[in-house]
């Protein structure tokens, strides 16, 4: 008889807990969408309004706590802004933090390319090749699993990464007066 009385109490507690977790999930998805939108804004504004791009990336990073890939994307966007401002130390710090925040191959690839560009500008030749080789390995892994990427935005970021890789490589070889490698890149 006592067990029968406890059953409705447990049922009510389970319903309350389910409602609580459902609300939390909706709240998390709203935060995810907001951080994702800020990352997209930062990406779209990077050549139009750098101040807006920087602020959006900073805000996305703060919001994306608990979402490693979004935080990595925000760090890459912030790193790009720092690089354009020629603050290479800050850009390097931001790109290196991407590896700590996430194991998302695409975001790590973009960080590798950002590091290539920094190494090229600061005459760190050995490190340039280290990051270039890392980027090549990541592009190979991504292309081996290319069918897994179906999100149009991820495909756009992959195209961005490939074009930035080619540009960074071509510029590097051009400055070294290696015309053939520059043309190939």
C-alpha atoms as a PDB file:
ATOM      1  CA  UNK A   1       0.000   0.000   0.000  1.00  0.00           C
ATOM      2  CA  UNK A   2       2.817   2.414   0.856  1.00  0.00           C
ATOM      3  CA  UNK A   3       4.489   1.666  -2.468  1.00  0.00           C
ATOM      4  CA  UNK A   4       1.310   2.610  -4.322  1.00  0.00           C
ATOM      5  CA  UNK A   5       1.302   6.076  -2.683  1.00  0.00           C
ATOM      6  CA  UNK A   6       4.945   6.720  -3.659  1.00  0.00           C
ATOM      7  CA  UNK A   7       4.303   5.956  -7.318  1.00  0.00           C
ATOM      8  CA  UNK A   8       2.378   9.202  -8.060  1.00  0.00           C
ATOM      9  CA  UNK A   9       5.032  11.237  -6.226  1.00  0.00           C
ATOM     10  CA  UNK A  10       7.785   9.700  -8.362  1.00  0.00           C
ATOM     11  CA  UNK A  11       5.756  10.289 -11.499  1.00  0.00           C
ATOM     12  CA  UNK A  12       5.299  13.973 -10.624  1.00  0.00           C
ATOM     13  CA  UNK A  13       9.020  14.322  -9.850  1.00  0.00           C
ATOM     14  CA  UNK A  14       9.941  12.721 -13.188  1.00  0.00           C
ATOM     15  CA  UNK A  15       7.598  15.068 -15.056  1.00  0.00           C
ATOM     16  CA  UNK A  16       9.083  18.105 -13.302  1.00  0.00           C
ATOM     17  CA  UNK A  17      12.629  16.922 -14.012  1.00  0.00           C
ATOM     18  CA  UNK A  18      11.769  16.257 -17.662  1.00  0.00           C
ATOM     19  CA  UNK A  19      10.276  19.716 -18.025  1.00  0.00           C
ATOM     20  CA  UNK A  20      13.348  21.286 -16.421  1.00  0.00           C
ATOM     21  CA  UNK A  21      15.758  19.464 -18.734  1.00  0.00           C
ATOM     22  CA  UNK A  22      13.591  20.250 -21.753  1.00  0.00           C
ATOM     23  CA  UNK A  23      13.711  23.970 -20.911  1.00  0.00           C
ATOM     24  CA  UNK A  24      17.472  23.794 -20.386  1.00  0.00           C
ATOM     25  CA  UNK A  25      17.904  22.114 -23.780  1.00  0.00           C
ATOM     26  CA  UNK A  26      15.859  24.836 -25.493  1.00  0.00           C
ATOM     27  CA  UNK A  27      17.917  27.486 -23.710  1.00  0.00           C
ATOM     28  CA  UNK A  28      21.156  25.777 -24.818  1.00  0.00           C
ATOM     29  CA  UNK A  29      19.943  25.606 -28.424  1.00  0.00           C
ATOM     30  CA  UNK A  30      19.040  29.306 -28.362  1.00  0.00           C
ATOM     31  CA  UNK A  31      22.531  30.158 -27.085  1.00  0.00           C
ATOM     32  CA  UNK A  32      24.058  27.846 -29.710  1.00  0.00           C
ATOM     33  CA  UNK A  33      22.112  29.545 -32.503  1.00  0.00           C
ATOM     34  CA  UNK A  34      23.042  33.006 -31.227  1.00  0.00           C
ATOM     35  CA  UNK A  35      26.763  32.155 -31.006  1.00  0.00           C
ATOM     36  CA  UNK A  36      26.593  30.512 -34.437  1.00  0.00           C
ATOM     37  CA  UNK A  37      24.941  33.624 -35.889  1.00  0.00           C
ATOM     38  CA  UNK A  38      27.624  35.841 -34.367  1.00  0.00           C
ATOM     39  CA  UNK A  39      30.341  33.632 -35.876  1.00  0.00           C
ATOM     40  CA  UNK A  40      28.645  33.882 -39.254  1.00  0.00           C
ATOM     41  CA  UNK A  41      28.394  37.660 -38.902  1.00  0.00           C
ATOM     42  CA  UNK A  42      32.077  37.851 -37.993  1.00  0.00           C
ATOM     43  CA  UNK A  43      33.011  35.728 -41.009  1.00  0.00           C
ATOM     44  CA  UNK A  44      30.843  37.740 -43.405  1.00  0.00           C
ATOM     45  CA  UNK A  45      32.086  41.121 -42.122  1.00  0.00           C
ATOM     46  CA  UNK A  46      35.829  40.344 -42.032  1.00  0.00           C
ATOM     47  CA  UNK A  47      36.557  42.297 -45.238  1.00  0.00           C
ATOM     48  CA  UNK A  48      33.725  44.819 -44.921  1.00  0.00           C
ATOM     49  CA  UNK A  49      33.889  46.064 -41.340  1.00  0.00           C
ATOM     50  CA  UNK A  50      36.704  44.658 -39.225  1.00  0.00           C
ATOM     51  CA  UNK A  51      35.461  46.260 -36.000  1.00  0.00           C
ATOM     52  CA  UNK A  52      32.093  44.539 -36.369  1.00  0.00           C
ATOM     53  CA  UNK A  53      33.813  41.251 -37.211  1.00  0.00           C
ATOM     54  CA  UNK A  54      36.040  41.491 -34.125  1.00  0.00           C
ATOM     55  CA  UNK A  55      33.160  42.321 -31.775  1.00  0.00           C
ATOM     56  CA  UNK A  56      30.956  39.549 -33.164  1.00  0.00           C
ATOM     57  CA  UNK A  57      33.773  36.995 -32.799  1.00  0.00           C
ATOM     58  CA  UNK A  58      34.464  38.116 -29.232  1.00  0.00           C
ATOM     59  CA  UNK A  59      30.770  37.900 -28.305  1.00  0.00           C
ATOM     60  CA  UNK A  60      30.434  34.497 -29.998  1.00  0.00           C
ATOM     61  CA  UNK A  61      33.350  33.151 -27.978  1.00  0.00           C
ATOM     62  CA  UNK A  62      31.795  34.307 -24.704  1.00  0.00           C
ATOM     63  CA  UNK A  63      28.412  32.799 -25.577  1.00  0.00           C
ATOM     64  CA  UNK A  64      29.754  29.493 -26.890  1.00  0.00           C
ATOM     65  CA  UNK A  65      30.858  28.099 -23.529  1.00  0.00           C
ATOM     66  CA  UNK A  66      30.109  24.381 -23.711  1.00  0.00           C
ATOM     67  CA  UNK A  67      30.245  24.278 -27.522  1.00  0.00           C
ATOM     68  CA  UNK A  68      33.898  23.547 -28.445  1.00  0.00           C
ATOM     69  CA  UNK A  69      33.535  23.856 -32.223  1.00  0.00           C
ATOM     70  CA  UNK A  70      31.779  27.210 -31.953  1.00  0.00           C
ATOM     71  CA  UNK A  71      34.470  28.476 -29.574  1.00  0.00           C
ATOM     72  CA  UNK A  72      37.180  27.299 -31.974  1.00  0.00           C
ATOM     73  CA  UNK A  73      35.467  29.093 -34.855  1.00  0.00           C
ATOM     74  CA  UNK A  74      35.207  32.269 -32.755  1.00  0.00           C
ATOM     75  CA  UNK A  75      38.912  32.012 -31.884  1.00  0.00           C
ATOM     76  CA  UNK A  76      39.777  31.634 -35.573  1.00  0.00           C
ATOM     77  CA  UNK A  77      37.687  34.710 -36.375  1.00  0.00           C
ATOM     78  CA  UNK A  78      39.371  36.660 -33.577  1.00  0.00           C
ATOM     79  CA  UNK A  79      42.769  35.430 -34.792  1.00  0.00           C
ATOM     80  CA  UNK A  80      41.979  36.701 -38.277  1.00  0.00           C
ATOM     81  CA  UNK A  81      41.087  40.113 -36.849  1.00  0.00           C
ATOM     82  CA  UNK A  82      44.314  40.272 -34.825  1.00  0.00           C
ATOM     83  CA  UNK A  83      46.300  39.209 -37.900  1.00  0.00           C
ATOM     84  CA  UNK A  84      44.749  41.959 -40.032  1.00  0.00           C
ATOM     85  CA  UNK A  85      45.600  44.451 -37.276  1.00  0.00           C
ATOM     86  CA  UNK A  86      49.168  43.075 -37.538  1.00  0.00           C
ATOM     87  CA  UNK A  87      49.083  41.998 -33.888  1.00  0.00           C
ATOM     88  CA  UNK A  88      50.885  38.757 -34.666  1.00  0.00           C
ATOM     89  CA  UNK A  89      51.492  37.785 -31.032  1.00  0.00           C
ATOM     90  CA  UNK A  90      47.791  37.974 -30.188  1.00  0.00           C
ATOM     91  CA  UNK A  91      46.849  36.244 -33.445  1.00  0.00           C
ATOM     92  CA  UNK A  92      49.279  33.424 -32.656  1.00  0.00           C
ATOM     93  CA  UNK A  93      47.855  33.069 -29.145  1.00  0.00           C
ATOM     94  CA  UNK A  94      44.302  32.885 -30.510  1.00  0.00           C
ATOM     95  CA  UNK A  95      45.134  30.369 -33.243  1.00  0.00           C
ATOM     96  CA  UNK A  96      47.033  28.151 -30.785  1.00  0.00           C
ATOM     97  CA  UNK A  97      44.058  28.191 -28.404  1.00  0.00           C
ATOM     98  CA  UNK A  98      41.931  26.621 -31.164  1.00  0.00           C
ATOM     99  CA  UNK A  99      43.830  23.343 -30.687  1.00  0.00           C
ATOM    100  CA  UNK A 100      43.075  23.420 -26.953  1.00  0.00           C
ATOM    101  CA  UNK A 101      39.385  24.239 -27.368  1.00  0.00           C
ATOM    102  CA  UNK A 102      38.350  21.705 -29.987  1.00  0.00           C
ATOM    103  CA  UNK A 103      39.389  18.740 -32.069  1.00  0.00           C
ATOM    104  CA  UNK A 104      37.259  19.903 -35.011  1.00  0.00           C
ATOM    105  CA  UNK A 105      39.513  19.187 -38.003  1.00  0.00           C
ATOM    106  CA  UNK A 106      38.145  22.061 -40.071  1.00  0.00           C
ATOM    107  CA  UNK A 107      38.734  24.656 -37.354  1.00  0.00           C
ATOM    108  CA  UNK A 108      42.188  23.218 -36.606  1.00  0.00           C
ATOM    109  CA  UNK A 109      42.952  23.407 -40.346  1.00  0.00           C
ATOM    110  CA  UNK A 110      41.984  27.081 -40.396  1.00  0.00           C
ATOM    111  CA  UNK A 111      44.193  27.655 -37.332  1.00  0.00           C
ATOM    112  CA  UNK A 112      47.102  25.887 -39.110  1.00  0.00           C
ATOM    113  CA  UNK A 113      46.668  28.222 -42.071  1.00  0.00           C
ATOM    114  CA  UNK A 114      46.497  31.247 -39.799  1.00  0.00           C
ATOM    115  CA  UNK A 115      49.753  30.105 -38.209  1.00  0.00           C
ATOM    116  CA  UNK A 116      51.303  29.637 -41.677  1.00  0.00           C
ATOM    117  CA  UNK A 117      50.490  33.257 -42.465  1.00  0.00           C
ATOM    118  CA  UNK A 118      51.990  34.462 -39.191  1.00  0.00           C
ATOM    119  CA  UNK A 119      55.139  32.391 -39.743  1.00  0.00           C
ATOM    120  CA  UNK A 120      55.456  33.777 -43.256  1.00  0.00           C
ATOM    121  CA  UNK A 121      55.193  37.363 -41.986  1.00  0.00           C
ATOM    122  CA  UNK A 122      57.633  36.814 -39.107  1.00  0.00           C
ATOM    123  CA  UNK A 123      60.246  34.782 -41.031  1.00  0.00           C
ATOM    124  CA  UNK A 124      59.732  31.594 -39.019  1.00  0.00           C
ATOM    125  CA  UNK A 125      60.564  29.320 -41.943  1.00  0.00           C
ATOM    126  CA  UNK A 126      60.759  25.951 -40.186  1.00  0.00           C
ATOM    127  CA  UNK A 127      57.507  26.593 -38.342  1.00  0.00           C
ATOM    128  CA  UNK A 128      55.853  27.645 -41.606  1.00  0.00           C
ATOM    129  CA  UNK A 129      56.605  24.193 -43.032  1.00  0.00           C
ATOM    130  CA  UNK A 130      55.475  22.480 -39.823  1.00  0.00           C
ATOM    131  CA  UNK A 131      52.065  24.182 -39.987  1.00  0.00           C
ATOM    132  CA  UNK A 132      51.884  23.692 -43.745  1.00  0.00           C
ATOM    133  CA  UNK A 133      52.483  19.947 -43.348  1.00  0.00           C
ATOM    134  CA  UNK A 134      49.903  19.806 -40.564  1.00  0.00           C
ATOM    135  CA  UNK A 135      47.415  21.608 -42.821  1.00  0.00           C
ATOM    136  CA  UNK A 136      48.137  19.188 -45.687  1.00  0.00           C
ATOM    137  CA  UNK A 137      47.482  16.200 -43.393  1.00  0.00           C
ATOM    138  CA  UNK A 138      44.257  17.745 -42.122  1.00  0.00           C
ATOM    139  CA  UNK A 139      43.064  18.485 -45.686  1.00  0.00           C
ATOM    140  CA  UNK A 140      43.765  14.857 -46.603  1.00  0.00           C
ATOM    141  CA  UNK A 141      41.787  13.576 -43.595  1.00  0.00           C
ATOM    142  CA  UNK A 142      38.929  15.942 -44.397  1.00  0.00           C
ATOM    143  CA  UNK A 143      38.865  14.930 -48.074  1.00  0.00           C
ATOM    144  CA  UNK A 144      38.917  11.232 -47.077  1.00  0.00           C
ATOM    145  CA  UNK A 145      35.771  11.900 -45.048  1.00  0.00           C
ATOM    146  CA  UNK A 146      34.308  14.505 -47.436  1.00  0.00           C
ATOM    147  CA  UNK A 147      30.903  12.810 -47.636  1.00  0.00           C
ATOM    148  CA  UNK A 148      30.404  13.514 -43.909  1.00  0.00           C
ATOM    149  CA  UNK A 149      30.361  17.262 -44.556  1.00  0.00           C
ATOM    150  CA  UNK A 150      26.867  18.188 -45.686  1.00  0.00           C
ATOM    151  CA  UNK A 151      26.377  21.561 -44.022  1.00  0.00           C
ATOM    152  CA  UNK A 152      26.696  24.308 -46.676  1.00  0.00           C
ATOM    153  CA  UNK A 153      28.403  26.611 -44.195  1.00  0.00           C
ATOM    154  CA  UNK A 154      31.052  24.016 -43.377  1.00  0.00           C
ATOM    155  CA  UNK A 155      31.623  23.497 -47.101  1.00  0.00           C
ATOM    156  CA  UNK A 156      32.027  27.258 -47.485  1.00  0.00           C
ATOM    157  CA  UNK A 157      34.578  27.318 -44.634  1.00  0.00           C
ATOM    158  CA  UNK A 158      36.418  24.402 -46.230  1.00  0.00           C
ATOM    159  CA  UNK A 159      36.603  26.297 -49.532  1.00  0.00           C
ATOM    160  CA  UNK A 160      37.825  29.348 -47.603  1.00  0.00           C
ATOM    161  CA  UNK A 161      40.510  27.242 -45.908  1.00  0.00           C
ATOM    162  CA  UNK A 162      41.698  25.744 -49.177  1.00  0.00           C
ATOM    163  CA  UNK A 163      41.922  29.120 -50.908  1.00  0.00           C
ATOM    164  CA  UNK A 164      43.739  30.701 -47.922  1.00  0.00           C
ATOM    165  CA  UNK A 165      46.133  27.741 -47.884  1.00  0.00           C
ATOM    166  CA  UNK A 166      46.936  28.243 -51.565  1.00  0.00           C
ATOM    167  CA  UNK A 167      47.363  31.987 -51.181  1.00  0.00           C
ATOM    168  CA  UNK A 168      49.595  31.663 -48.097  1.00  0.00           C
ATOM    169  CA  UNK A 169      51.742  29.045 -49.838  1.00  0.00           C
ATOM    170  CA  UNK A 170      52.023  31.049 -53.064  1.00  0.00           C
ATOM    171  CA  UNK A 171      53.016  34.231 -51.227  1.00  0.00           C
ATOM    172  CA  UNK A 172      55.575  32.366 -49.155  1.00  0.00           C
ATOM    173  CA  UNK A 173      57.236  30.843 -52.216  1.00  0.00           C
ATOM    174  CA  UNK A 174      57.043  34.121 -54.115  1.00  0.00           C
ATOM    175  CA  UNK A 175      58.943  35.960 -51.378  1.00  0.00           C
ATOM    176  CA  UNK A 176      61.549  33.189 -51.398  1.00  0.00           C
ATOM    177  CA  UNK A 177      61.864  33.742 -55.158  1.00  0.00           C
ATOM    178  CA  UNK A 178      60.774  30.175 -55.849  1.00  0.00           C
ATOM    179  CA  UNK A 179      58.659  31.017 -58.846  1.00  0.00           C
ATOM    180  CA  UNK A 180      57.788  27.465 -59.891  1.00  0.00           C
ATOM    181  CA  UNK A 181      56.499  26.493 -56.411  1.00  0.00           C
ATOM    182  CA  UNK A 182      54.625  29.789 -56.219  1.00  0.00           C
ATOM    183  CA  UNK A 183      52.864  29.081 -59.516  1.00  0.00           C
ATOM    184  CA  UNK A 184      52.025  25.542 -58.430  1.00  0.00           C
ATOM    185  CA  UNK A 185      50.560  26.773 -55.146  1.00  0.00           C
END
